Amino acid sequence: MTPGFEHAHERALRSADGAPDWPHAPSEHLTYWTQNAFQRLFEQCGLRAVHSQPYTMVQASDVYLDRLLSRTPEPYRPCFAGTLDSLPDLVEVPTNEILVIAEKA
């Protein structure tokens, strides 16, 4: 499950019909959840969330910058020249996912 669908940066990535327009999302991402919907699901299952935190991954800076620039219009790409030199070798990348731990209510 991929919760956190209500955030502005995720809404901006939706296509005109409102569906997620995330070509990088793996095929296992079949549903997208808001925090409120996640809470209602837990309640219906007799659970309560005891911990949640954003999930991130660590990626090589050159790979991450390459992925970002592949989605950047060509005329703007030169603006990023030299950016890689100022980045650390590894960067923490948001995944738009959260880790949730629940227990029986």
PDB file of N, CA and C in Angstrom:
ATOM      1  N   MET A   1       0.839  -1.179   0.000  1.00  0.00           N
ATOM      2  CA  MET A   1       0.000   0.000   0.000  1.00  0.00           C
ATOM      3  C   MET A   1       0.882   1.238   0.000  1.00  0.00           C
ATOM      4  N   THR A   2       0.419   2.261  -0.646  1.00  0.00           N
ATOM      5  CA  THR A   2       1.134   3.522  -0.674  1.00  0.00           C
ATOM      6  C   THR A   2       0.237   4.608  -0.109  1.00  0.00           C
ATOM      7  N   PRO A   3       0.350   4.868   1.193  1.00  0.00           N
ATOM      8  CA  PRO A   3      -0.454   5.923   1.797  1.00  0.00           C
ATOM      9  C   PRO A   3       0.184   7.288   1.560  1.00  0.00           C
ATOM     10  N   GLY A   4      -0.415   8.313   2.116  1.00  0.00           N
ATOM     11  CA  GLY A   4       0.132   9.649   2.001  1.00  0.00           C
ATOM     12  C   GLY A   4      -0.265  10.337   0.707  1.00  0.00           C
ATOM     13  N   PHE A   5      -1.380   9.934   0.115  1.00  0.00           N
ATOM     14  CA  PHE A   5      -1.792  10.412  -1.197  1.00  0.00           C
ATOM     15  C   PHE A   5      -2.338  11.835  -1.155  1.00  0.00           C
ATOM     16  N   GLU A   6      -2.525  12.399   0.032  1.00  0.00           N
ATOM     17  CA  GLU A   6      -3.138  13.711   0.117  1.00  0.00           C
ATOM     18  C   GLU A   6      -2.143  14.859   0.061  1.00  0.00           C
ATOM     19  N   HIS A   7      -0.849  14.582  -0.009  1.00  0.00           N
ATOM     20  CA  HIS A   7       0.159  15.638   0.010  1.00  0.00           C
ATOM     21  C   HIS A   7       0.189  16.399  -1.310  1.00  0.00           C
ATOM     22  N   ALA A   8       0.507  17.678  -1.244  1.00  0.00           N
ATOM     23  CA  ALA A   8       0.456  18.555  -2.418  1.00  0.00           C
ATOM     24  C   ALA A   8       1.341  18.064  -3.551  1.00  0.00           C
ATOM     25  N   HIS A   9       2.556  17.610  -3.241  1.00  0.00           N
ATOM     26  CA  HIS A   9       3.446  17.187  -4.321  1.00  0.00           C
ATOM     27  C   HIS A   9       2.909  15.940  -5.016  1.00  0.00           C
ATOM     28  N   GLU A  10       2.130  15.126  -4.319  1.00  0.00           N
ATOM     29  CA  GLU A  10       1.539  13.956  -4.948  1.00  0.00           C
ATOM     30  C   GLU A  10       0.325  14.348  -5.784  1.00  0.00           C
ATOM     31  N   ARG A  11      -0.464  15.309  -5.295  1.00  0.00           N
ATOM     32  CA  ARG A  11      -1.608  15.782  -6.078  1.00  0.00           C
ATOM     33  C   ARG A  11      -1.134  16.406  -7.385  1.00  0.00           C
ATOM     34  N   ALA A  12      -0.003  17.100  -7.348  1.00  0.00           N
ATOM     35  CA  ALA A  12       0.520  17.751  -8.546  1.00  0.00           C
ATOM     36  C   ALA A  12       0.946  16.743  -9.605  1.00  0.00           C
ATOM     37  N   LEU A  13       1.227  15.522  -9.204  1.00  0.00           N
ATOM     38  CA  LEU A  13       1.681  14.507 -10.140  1.00  0.00           C
ATOM     39  C   LEU A  13       0.545  13.683 -10.732  1.00  0.00           C
ATOM     40  N   ARG A  14      -0.690  14.041 -10.449  1.00  0.00           N
ATOM     41  CA  ARG A  14      -1.829  13.305 -10.999  1.00  0.00           C
ATOM     42  C   ARG A  14      -2.095  13.742 -12.436  1.00  0.00           C
ATOM     43  N   SER A  15      -2.612  12.844 -13.218  1.00  0.00           N
ATOM     44  CA  SER A  15      -2.976  13.168 -14.597  1.00  0.00           C
ATOM     45  C   SER A  15      -4.283  13.953 -14.597  1.00  0.00           C
ATOM     46  N   ALA A  16      -4.731  14.366 -15.773  1.00  0.00           N
ATOM     47  CA  ALA A  16      -5.933  15.192 -15.885  1.00  0.00           C
ATOM     48  C   ALA A  16      -7.168  14.513 -15.305  1.00  0.00           C
ATOM     49  N   ASP A  17      -7.229  13.178 -15.330  1.00  0.00           N
ATOM     50  CA  ASP A  17      -8.398  12.477 -14.796  1.00  0.00           C
ATOM     51  C   ASP A  17      -8.298  12.232 -13.294  1.00  0.00           C
ATOM     52  N   GLY A  18      -7.239  12.741 -12.653  1.00  0.00           N
ATOM     53  CA  GLY A  18      -7.086  12.606 -11.207  1.00  0.00           C
ATOM     54  C   GLY A  18      -6.340  11.367 -10.765  1.00  0.00           C
ATOM     55  N   ALA A  19      -6.027  10.474 -11.681  1.00  0.00           N
ATOM     56  CA  ALA A  19      -5.288   9.251 -11.336  1.00  0.00           C
ATOM     57  C   ALA A  19      -3.809   9.581 -11.172  1.00  0.00           C
ATOM     58  N   PRO A  20      -3.101   8.832 -10.334  1.00  0.00           N
ATOM     59  CA  PRO A  20      -1.673   9.071 -10.184  1.00  0.00           C
ATOM     60  C   PRO A  20      -0.948   8.932 -11.527  1.00  0.00           C
ATOM     61  N   ASP A  21      -0.093   9.880 -11.823  1.00  0.00           N
ATOM     62  CA  ASP A  21       0.681   9.851 -13.058  1.00  0.00           C
ATOM     63  C   ASP A  21       2.150   9.664 -12.680  1.00  0.00           C
ATOM     64  N   TRP A  22       2.447   8.516 -12.108  1.00  0.00           N
ATOM     65  CA  TRP A  22       3.780   8.238 -11.594  1.00  0.00           C
ATOM     66  C   TRP A  22       4.400   7.096 -12.385  1.00  0.00           C
ATOM     67  N   PRO A  23       5.060   7.392 -13.492  1.00  0.00           N
ATOM     68  CA  PRO A  23       5.624   6.317 -14.305  1.00  0.00           C
ATOM     69  C   PRO A  23       6.706   5.522 -13.586  1.00  0.00           C
ATOM     70  N   HIS A  24       7.264   6.102 -12.524  1.00  0.00           N
ATOM     71  CA  HIS A  24       8.320   5.398 -11.784  1.00  0.00           C
ATOM     72  C   HIS A  24       7.753   4.440 -10.740  1.00  0.00           C
ATOM     73  N   ALA A  25       6.433   4.485 -10.502  1.00  0.00           N
ATOM     74  CA  ALA A  25       5.845   3.637  -9.463  1.00  0.00           C
ATOM     75  C   ALA A  25       5.821   2.180  -9.935  1.00  0.00           C
ATOM     76  N   PRO A  26       6.375   1.302  -9.137  1.00  0.00           N
ATOM     77  CA  PRO A  26       6.359  -0.114  -9.509  1.00  0.00           C
ATOM     78  C   PRO A  26       4.933  -0.655  -9.623  1.00  0.00           C
ATOM     79  N   SER A  27       4.782  -1.720 -10.370  1.00  0.00           N
ATOM     80  CA  SER A  27       3.455  -2.281 -10.609  1.00  0.00           C
ATOM     81  C   SER A  27       2.783  -2.795  -9.332  1.00  0.00           C
ATOM     82  N   GLU A  28       3.550  -3.059  -8.279  1.00  0.00           N
ATOM     83  CA  GLU A  28       2.917  -3.551  -7.051  1.00  0.00           C
ATOM     84  C   GLU A  28       2.130  -2.458  -6.335  1.00  0.00           C
ATOM     85  N   HIS A  29       2.283  -1.199  -6.737  1.00  0.00           N
ATOM     86  CA  HIS A  29       1.511  -0.119  -6.144  1.00  0.00           C
ATOM     87  C   HIS A  29       0.139  -0.085  -6.814  1.00  0.00           C
ATOM     88  N   LEU A  30      -0.776  -0.871  -6.278  1.00  0.00           N
ATOM     89  CA  LEU A  30      -2.095  -0.992  -6.883  1.00  0.00           C
ATOM     90  C   LEU A  30      -3.104  -0.033  -6.287  1.00  0.00           C
ATOM     91  N   THR A  31      -2.875   0.411  -5.072  1.00  0.00           N
ATOM     92  CA  THR A  31      -3.795   1.333  -4.420  1.00  0.00           C
ATOM     93  C   THR A  31      -3.024   2.452  -3.753  1.00  0.00           C
ATOM     94  N   TYR A  32      -3.689   3.580  -3.602  1.00  0.00           N
ATOM     95  CA  TYR A  32      -3.098   4.739  -2.941  1.00  0.00           C
ATOM     96  C   TYR A  32      -4.052   5.159  -1.839  1.00  0.00           C
ATOM     97  N   TRP A  33      -3.504   5.504  -0.679  1.00  0.00           N
ATOM     98  CA  TRP A  33      -4.304   5.741   0.517  1.00  0.00           C
ATOM     99  C   TRP A  33      -4.005   7.102   1.114  1.00  0.00           C
ATOM    100  N   THR A  34      -5.045   7.742   1.649  1.00  0.00           N
ATOM    101  CA  THR A  34      -4.835   8.929   2.472  1.00  0.00           C
ATOM    102  C   THR A  34      -4.642   8.439   3.909  1.00  0.00           C
ATOM    103  N   GLN A  35      -4.120   9.300   4.755  1.00  0.00           N
ATOM    104  CA  GLN A  35      -3.943   8.940   6.168  1.00  0.00           C
ATOM    105  C   GLN A  35      -5.303   8.629   6.805  1.00  0.00           C
ATOM    106  N   ASN A  36      -6.332   9.397   6.451  1.00  0.00           N
ATOM    107  CA  ASN A  36      -7.671   9.195   6.994  1.00  0.00           C
ATOM    108  C   ASN A  36      -8.229   7.830   6.582  1.00  0.00           C
ATOM    109  N   ALA A  37      -8.056   7.456   5.320  1.00  0.00           N
ATOM    110  CA  ALA A  37      -8.554   6.159   4.848  1.00  0.00           C
ATOM    111  C   ALA A  37      -7.819   5.016   5.542  1.00  0.00           C
ATOM    112  N   PHE A  38      -6.541   5.207   5.760  1.00  0.00           N
ATOM    113  CA  PHE A  38      -5.742   4.198   6.451  1.00  0.00           C
ATOM    114  C   PHE A  38      -6.278   3.992   7.874  1.00  0.00           C
ATOM    115  N   GLN A  39      -6.574   5.094   8.559  1.00  0.00           N
ATOM    116  CA  GLN A  39      -7.096   5.027   9.926  1.00  0.00           C
ATOM    117  C   GLN A  39      -8.440   4.305   9.962  1.00  0.00           C
ATOM    118  N   ARG A  40      -9.327   4.617   9.011  1.00  0.00           N
ATOM    119  CA  ARG A  40     -10.637   3.946   8.951  1.00  0.00           C
ATOM    120  C   ARG A  40     -10.485   2.451   8.700  1.00  0.00           C
ATOM    121  N   LEU A  41      -9.543   2.077   7.855  1.00  0.00           N
ATOM    122  CA  LEU A  41      -9.281   0.657   7.600  1.00  0.00           C
ATOM    123  C   LEU A  41      -8.877  -0.047   8.889  1.00  0.00           C
ATOM    124  N   PHE A  42      -7.953   0.555   9.615  1.00  0.00           N
ATOM    125  CA  PHE A  42      -7.522  -0.039  10.886  1.00  0.00           C
ATOM    126  C   PHE A  42      -8.696  -0.198  11.838  1.00  0.00           C
ATOM    127  N   GLU A  43      -9.519   0.839  11.961  1.00  0.00           N
ATOM    128  CA  GLU A  43     -10.668   0.779  12.864  1.00  0.00           C
ATOM    129  C   GLU A  43     -11.610  -0.359  12.473  1.00  0.00           C
ATOM    130  N   GLN A  44     -11.866  -0.521  11.190  1.00  0.00           N
ATOM    131  CA  GLN A  44     -12.750  -1.585  10.719  1.00  0.00           C
ATOM    132  C   GLN A  44     -12.166  -2.969  10.992  1.00  0.00           C
ATOM    133  N   CYS A  45     -10.865  -3.054  11.095  1.00  0.00           N
ATOM    134  CA  CYS A  45     -10.195  -4.342  11.349  1.00  0.00           C
ATOM    135  C   CYS A  45      -9.896  -4.546  12.828  1.00  0.00           C
ATOM    136  N   GLY A  46     -10.349  -3.625  13.677  1.00  0.00           N
ATOM    137  CA  GLY A  46     -10.103  -3.747  15.106  1.00  0.00           C
ATOM    138  C   GLY A  46      -8.668  -3.460  15.495  1.00  0.00           C
ATOM    139  N   LEU A  47      -8.016  -2.580  14.757  1.00  0.00           N
ATOM    140  CA  LEU A  47      -6.621  -2.221  15.026  1.00  0.00           C
ATOM    141  C   LEU A  47      -6.507  -0.736  15.327  1.00  0.00           C
ATOM    142  N   ARG A  48      -5.386  -0.366  15.912  1.00  0.00           N
ATOM    143  CA  ARG A  48      -5.069   1.053  16.077  1.00  0.00           C
ATOM    144  C   ARG A  48      -3.591   1.230  15.790  1.00  0.00           C
ATOM    145  N   ALA A  49      -3.279   2.314  15.109  1.00  0.00           N
ATOM    146  CA  ALA A  49      -1.884   2.609  14.768  1.00  0.00           C
ATOM    147  C   ALA A  49      -1.142   3.041  16.030  1.00  0.00           C
ATOM    148  N   VAL A  50       0.002   2.461  16.279  1.00  0.00           N
ATOM    149  CA  VAL A  50       0.820   2.855  17.430  1.00  0.00           C
ATOM    150  C   VAL A  50       2.071   3.612  17.002  1.00  0.00           C
ATOM    151  N   HIS A  51       2.410   3.530  15.711  1.00  0.00           N
ATOM    152  CA  HIS A  51       3.588   4.241  15.216  1.00  0.00           C
ATOM    153  C   HIS A  51       3.470   4.381  13.703  1.00  0.00           C
ATOM    154  N   SER A  52       3.866   5.530  13.192  1.00  0.00           N
ATOM    155  CA  SER A  52       3.991   5.699  11.749  1.00  0.00           C
ATOM    156  C   SER A  52       5.121   6.675  11.475  1.00  0.00           C
ATOM    157  N   GLN A  53       5.793   6.461  10.368  1.00  0.00           N
ATOM    158  CA  GLN A  53       6.883   7.355   9.980  1.00  0.00           C
ATOM    159  C   GLN A  53       7.043   7.292   8.469  1.00  0.00           C
ATOM    160  N   PRO A  54       7.479   8.411   7.875  1.00  0.00           N
ATOM    161  CA  PRO A  54       7.740   8.384   6.434  1.00  0.00           C
ATOM    162  C   PRO A  54       8.846   7.379   6.119  1.00  0.00           C
ATOM    163  N   TYR A  55       8.715   6.733   4.987  1.00  0.00           N
ATOM    164  CA  TYR A  55       9.722   5.775   4.544  1.00  0.00           C
ATOM    165  C   TYR A  55      10.557   6.441   3.455  1.00  0.00           C
ATOM    166  N   THR A  56      11.849   6.374   3.582  1.00  0.00           N
ATOM    167  CA  THR A  56      12.754   6.940   2.592  1.00  0.00           C
ATOM    168  C   THR A  56      13.757   5.877   2.178  1.00  0.00           C
ATOM    169  N   MET A  57      14.441   6.150   1.092  1.00  0.00           N
ATOM    170  CA  MET A  57      15.512   5.255   0.674  1.00  0.00           C
ATOM    171  C   MET A  57      16.759   6.087   0.413  1.00  0.00           C
ATOM    172  N   VAL A  58      17.902   5.456   0.451  1.00  0.00           N
ATOM    173  CA  VAL A  58      19.160   6.122   0.162  1.00  0.00           C
ATOM    174  C   VAL A  58      19.574   5.708  -1.244  1.00  0.00           C
ATOM    175  N   GLN A  59      19.928   6.710  -2.050  1.00  0.00           N
ATOM    176  CA  GLN A  59      20.271   6.445  -3.441  1.00  0.00           C
ATOM    177  C   GLN A  59      21.514   7.245  -3.813  1.00  0.00           C
ATOM    178  N   ALA A  60      22.277   6.715  -4.746  1.00  0.00           N
ATOM    179  CA  ALA A  60      23.445   7.431  -5.250  1.00  0.00           C
ATOM    180  C   ALA A  60      22.985   8.750  -5.880  1.00  0.00           C
ATOM    181  N   SER A  61      23.667   9.830  -5.561  1.00  0.00           N
ATOM    182  CA  SER A  61      23.277  11.156  -6.042  1.00  0.00           C
ATOM    183  C   SER A  61      23.207  11.229  -7.560  1.00  0.00           C
ATOM    184  N   ASP A  62      24.177  10.610  -8.242  1.00  0.00           N
ATOM    185  CA  ASP A  62      24.174  10.690  -9.703  1.00  0.00           C
ATOM    186  C   ASP A  62      22.952   9.987 -10.299  1.00  0.00           C
ATOM    187  N   VAL A  63      22.525   8.889  -9.687  1.00  0.00           N
ATOM    188  CA  VAL A  63      21.345   8.168 -10.169  1.00  0.00           C
ATOM    189  C   VAL A  63      20.085   9.003  -9.922  1.00  0.00           C
ATOM    190  N   TYR A  64      19.979   9.562  -8.724  1.00  0.00           N
ATOM    191  CA  TYR A  64      18.801  10.365  -8.396  1.00  0.00           C
ATOM    192  C   TYR A  64      18.708  11.595  -9.290  1.00  0.00           C
ATOM    193  N   LEU A  65      19.804  12.307  -9.483  1.00  0.00           N
ATOM    194  CA  LEU A  65      19.800  13.486 -10.328  1.00  0.00           C
ATOM    195  C   LEU A  65      19.466  13.113 -11.777  1.00  0.00           C
ATOM    196  N   ASP A  66      19.978  11.989 -12.249  1.00  0.00           N
ATOM    197  CA  ASP A  66      19.663  11.522 -13.594  1.00  0.00           C
ATOM    198  C   ASP A  66      18.163  11.288 -13.751  1.00  0.00           C
ATOM    199  N   ARG A  67      17.527  10.669 -12.741  1.00  0.00           N
ATOM    200  CA  ARG A  67      16.084  10.410 -12.803  1.00  0.00           C
ATOM    201  C   ARG A  67      15.301  11.721 -12.791  1.00  0.00           C
ATOM    202  N   LEU A  68      15.735  12.677 -11.979  1.00  0.00           N
ATOM    203  CA  LEU A  68      15.047  13.970 -11.943  1.00  0.00           C
ATOM    204  C   LEU A  68      15.173  14.698 -13.280  1.00  0.00           C
ATOM    205  N   LEU A  69      16.380  14.699 -13.830  1.00  0.00           N
ATOM    206  CA  LEU A  69      16.599  15.417 -15.083  1.00  0.00           C
ATOM    207  C   LEU A  69      15.900  14.750 -16.257  1.00  0.00           C
ATOM    208  N   SER A  70      15.674  13.445 -16.174  1.00  0.00           N
ATOM    209  CA  SER A  70      14.975  12.769 -17.273  1.00  0.00           C
ATOM    210  C   SER A  70      13.532  13.245 -17.384  1.00  0.00           C
ATOM    211  N   ARG A  71      13.007  13.859 -16.321  1.00  0.00           N
ATOM    212  CA  ARG A  71      11.637  14.382 -16.320  1.00  0.00           C
ATOM    213  C   ARG A  71      11.612  15.910 -16.445  1.00  0.00           C
ATOM    214  N   THR A  72      12.781  16.500 -16.611  1.00  0.00           N
ATOM    215  CA  THR A  72      12.902  17.952 -16.717  1.00  0.00           C
ATOM    216  C   THR A  72      12.926  18.347 -18.191  1.00  0.00           C
ATOM    217  N   PRO A  73      12.126  19.333 -18.592  1.00  0.00           N
ATOM    218  CA  PRO A  73      12.149  19.763 -19.998  1.00  0.00           C
ATOM    219  C   PRO A  73      13.570  20.148 -20.427  1.00  0.00           C
ATOM    220  N   GLU A  74      13.921  19.786 -21.625  1.00  0.00           N
ATOM    221  CA  GLU A  74      15.279  19.973 -22.161  1.00  0.00           C
ATOM    222  C   GLU A  74      15.826  21.393 -21.976  1.00  0.00           C
ATOM    223  N   PRO A  75      15.039  22.438 -22.233  1.00  0.00           N
ATOM    224  CA  PRO A  75      15.592  23.791 -22.090  1.00  0.00           C
ATOM    225  C   PRO A  75      16.058  24.139 -20.671  1.00  0.00           C
ATOM    226  N   TYR A  76      15.541  23.427 -19.660  1.00  0.00           N
ATOM    227  CA  TYR A  76      15.883  23.739 -18.272  1.00  0.00           C
ATOM    228  C   TYR A  76      17.046  22.901 -17.730  1.00  0.00           C
ATOM    229  N   ARG A  77      17.415  21.869 -18.422  1.00  0.00           N
ATOM    230  CA  ARG A  77      18.465  20.972 -17.927  1.00  0.00           C
ATOM    231  C   ARG A  77      19.803  21.663 -17.711  1.00  0.00           C
ATOM    232  N   PRO A  78      20.220  22.602 -18.571  1.00  0.00           N
ATOM    233  CA  PRO A  78      21.502  23.274 -18.322  1.00  0.00           C
ATOM    234  C   PRO A  78      21.546  24.030 -16.991  1.00  0.00           C
ATOM    235  N   CYS A  79      20.398  24.399 -16.455  1.00  0.00           N
ATOM    236  CA  CYS A  79      20.349  25.098 -15.160  1.00  0.00           C
ATOM    237  C   CYS A  79      20.927  24.240 -14.041  1.00  0.00           C
ATOM    238  N   PHE A  80      20.949  22.930 -14.253  1.00  0.00           N
ATOM    239  CA  PHE A  80      21.420  22.015 -13.219  1.00  0.00           C
ATOM    240  C   PHE A  80      22.887  21.613 -13.402  1.00  0.00           C
ATOM    241  N   ALA A  81      23.538  22.188 -14.396  1.00  0.00           N
ATOM    242  CA  ALA A  81      24.946  21.866 -14.637  1.00  0.00           C
ATOM    243  C   ALA A  81      25.756  22.164 -13.377  1.00  0.00           C
ATOM    244  N   GLY A  82      26.565  21.249 -12.991  1.00  0.00           N
ATOM    245  CA  GLY A  82      27.399  21.421 -11.805  1.00  0.00           C
ATOM    246  C   GLY A  82      26.729  21.042 -10.507  1.00  0.00           C
ATOM    247  N   THR A  83      25.461  20.719 -10.546  1.00  0.00           N
ATOM    248  CA  THR A  83      24.739  20.367  -9.321  1.00  0.00           C
ATOM    249  C   THR A  83      25.307  19.119  -8.671  1.00  0.00           C
ATOM    250  N   LEU A  84      25.650  18.123  -9.468  1.00  0.00           N
ATOM    251  CA  LEU A  84      26.145  16.861  -8.928  1.00  0.00           C
ATOM    252  C   LEU A  84      27.396  17.064  -8.087  1.00  0.00           C
ATOM    253  N   ASP A  85      28.227  18.028  -8.470  1.00  0.00           N
ATOM    254  CA  ASP A  85      29.463  18.287  -7.718  1.00  0.00           C
ATOM    255  C   ASP A  85      29.186  18.770  -6.299  1.00  0.00           C
ATOM    256  N   SER A  86      28.023  19.396  -6.085  1.00  0.00           N
ATOM    257  CA  SER A  86      27.713  19.927  -4.754  1.00  0.00           C
ATOM    258  C   SER A  86      26.908  18.960  -3.896  1.00  0.00           C
ATOM    259  N   LEU A  87      26.527  17.812  -4.455  1.00  0.00           N
ATOM    260  CA  LEU A  87      25.742  16.834  -3.700  1.00  0.00           C
ATOM    261  C   LEU A  87      26.653  15.820  -3.017  1.00  0.00           C
ATOM    262  N   PRO A  88      26.210  15.268  -1.896  1.00  0.00           N
ATOM    263  CA  PRO A  88      26.964  14.164  -1.291  1.00  0.00           C
ATOM    264  C   PRO A  88      26.867  12.932  -2.188  1.00  0.00           C
ATOM    265  N   ASP A  89      27.670  11.931  -1.932  1.00  0.00           N
ATOM    266  CA  ASP A  89      27.641  10.711  -2.741  1.00  0.00           C
ATOM    267  C   ASP A  89      26.278  10.023  -2.687  1.00  0.00           C
ATOM    268  N   LEU A  90      25.640  10.076  -1.514  1.00  0.00           N
ATOM    269  CA  LEU A  90      24.332   9.441  -1.310  1.00  0.00           C
ATOM    270  C   LEU A  90      23.342  10.486  -0.823  1.00  0.00           C
ATOM    271  N   VAL A  91      22.095  10.389  -1.279  1.00  0.00           N
ATOM    272  CA  VAL A  91      21.035  11.290  -0.822  1.00  0.00           C
ATOM    273  C   VAL A  91      19.853  10.466  -0.326  1.00  0.00           C
ATOM    274  N   GLU A  92      19.151  11.029   0.655  1.00  0.00           N
ATOM    275  CA  GLU A  92      17.939  10.389   1.165  1.00  0.00           C
ATOM    276  C   GLU A  92      16.768  10.837   0.291  1.00  0.00           C
ATOM    277  N   VAL A  93      16.040   9.876  -0.258  1.00  0.00           N
ATOM    278  CA  VAL A  93      14.986  10.152  -1.221  1.00  0.00           C
ATOM    279  C   VAL A  93      13.635   9.767  -0.622  1.00  0.00           C
ATOM    280  N   PRO A  94      12.653  10.692  -0.637  1.00  0.00           N
ATOM    281  CA  PRO A  94      11.314  10.321  -0.165  1.00  0.00           C
ATOM    282  C   PRO A  94      10.681   9.322  -1.121  1.00  0.00           C
ATOM    283  N   THR A  95       9.929   8.387  -0.588  1.00  0.00           N
ATOM    284  CA  THR A  95       9.289   7.364  -1.423  1.00  0.00           C
ATOM    285  C   THR A  95       7.780   7.546  -1.501  1.00  0.00           C
ATOM    286  N   ASN A  96       7.240   8.516  -0.769  1.00  0.00           N
ATOM    287  CA  ASN A  96       5.787   8.722  -0.687  1.00  0.00           C
ATOM    288  C   ASN A  96       5.096   7.526  -0.048  1.00  0.00           C
ATOM    289  N   GLU A  97       5.820   6.792   0.755  1.00  0.00           N
ATOM    290  CA  GLU A  97       5.276   5.652   1.491  1.00  0.00           C
ATOM    291  C   GLU A  97       5.503   5.915   2.981  1.00  0.00           C
ATOM    292  N   ILE A  98       4.738   5.225   3.809  1.00  0.00           N
ATOM    293  CA  ILE A  98       4.963   5.307   5.248  1.00  0.00           C
ATOM    294  C   ILE A  98       5.001   3.914   5.833  1.00  0.00           C
ATOM    295  N   LEU A  99       5.740   3.794   6.898  1.00  0.00           N
ATOM    296  CA  LEU A  99       5.789   2.548   7.674  1.00  0.00           C
ATOM    297  C   LEU A  99       4.814   2.731   8.828  1.00  0.00           C
ATOM    298  N   VAL A 100       3.888   1.791   8.997  1.00  0.00           N
ATOM    299  CA  VAL A 100       2.881   1.868  10.060  1.00  0.00           C
ATOM    300  C   VAL A 100       2.919   0.592  10.870  1.00  0.00           C
ATOM    301  N   ILE A 101       2.926   0.747  12.188  1.00  0.00           N
ATOM    302  CA  ILE A 101       2.830  -0.403  13.093  1.00  0.00           C
ATOM    303  C   ILE A 101       1.500  -0.287  13.825  1.00  0.00           C
ATOM    304  N   ALA A 102       0.737  -1.359  13.796  1.00  0.00           N
ATOM    305  CA  ALA A 102      -0.584  -1.353  14.439  1.00  0.00           C
ATOM    306  C   ALA A 102      -0.676  -2.513  15.421  1.00  0.00           C
ATOM    307  N   GLU A 103      -1.603  -2.369  16.365  1.00  0.00           N
ATOM    308  CA  GLU A 103      -1.875  -3.437  17.314  1.00  0.00           C
ATOM    309  C   GLU A 103      -3.379  -3.580  17.462  1.00  0.00           C
ATOM    310  N   LYS A 104      -3.785  -4.724  18.037  1.00  0.00           N
ATOM    311  CA  LYS A 104      -5.214  -4.922  18.272  1.00  0.00           C
ATOM    312  C   LYS A 104      -5.716  -3.843  19.206  1.00  0.00           C
ATOM    313  N   ALA A 105      -6.883  -3.284  18.871  1.00  0.00           N
ATOM    314  CA  ALA A 105      -7.455  -2.212  19.695  1.00  0.00           C
ATOM    315  C   ALA A 105      -8.016  -2.769  20.984  1.00  0.00           C
TER     316      ALA A 105
END
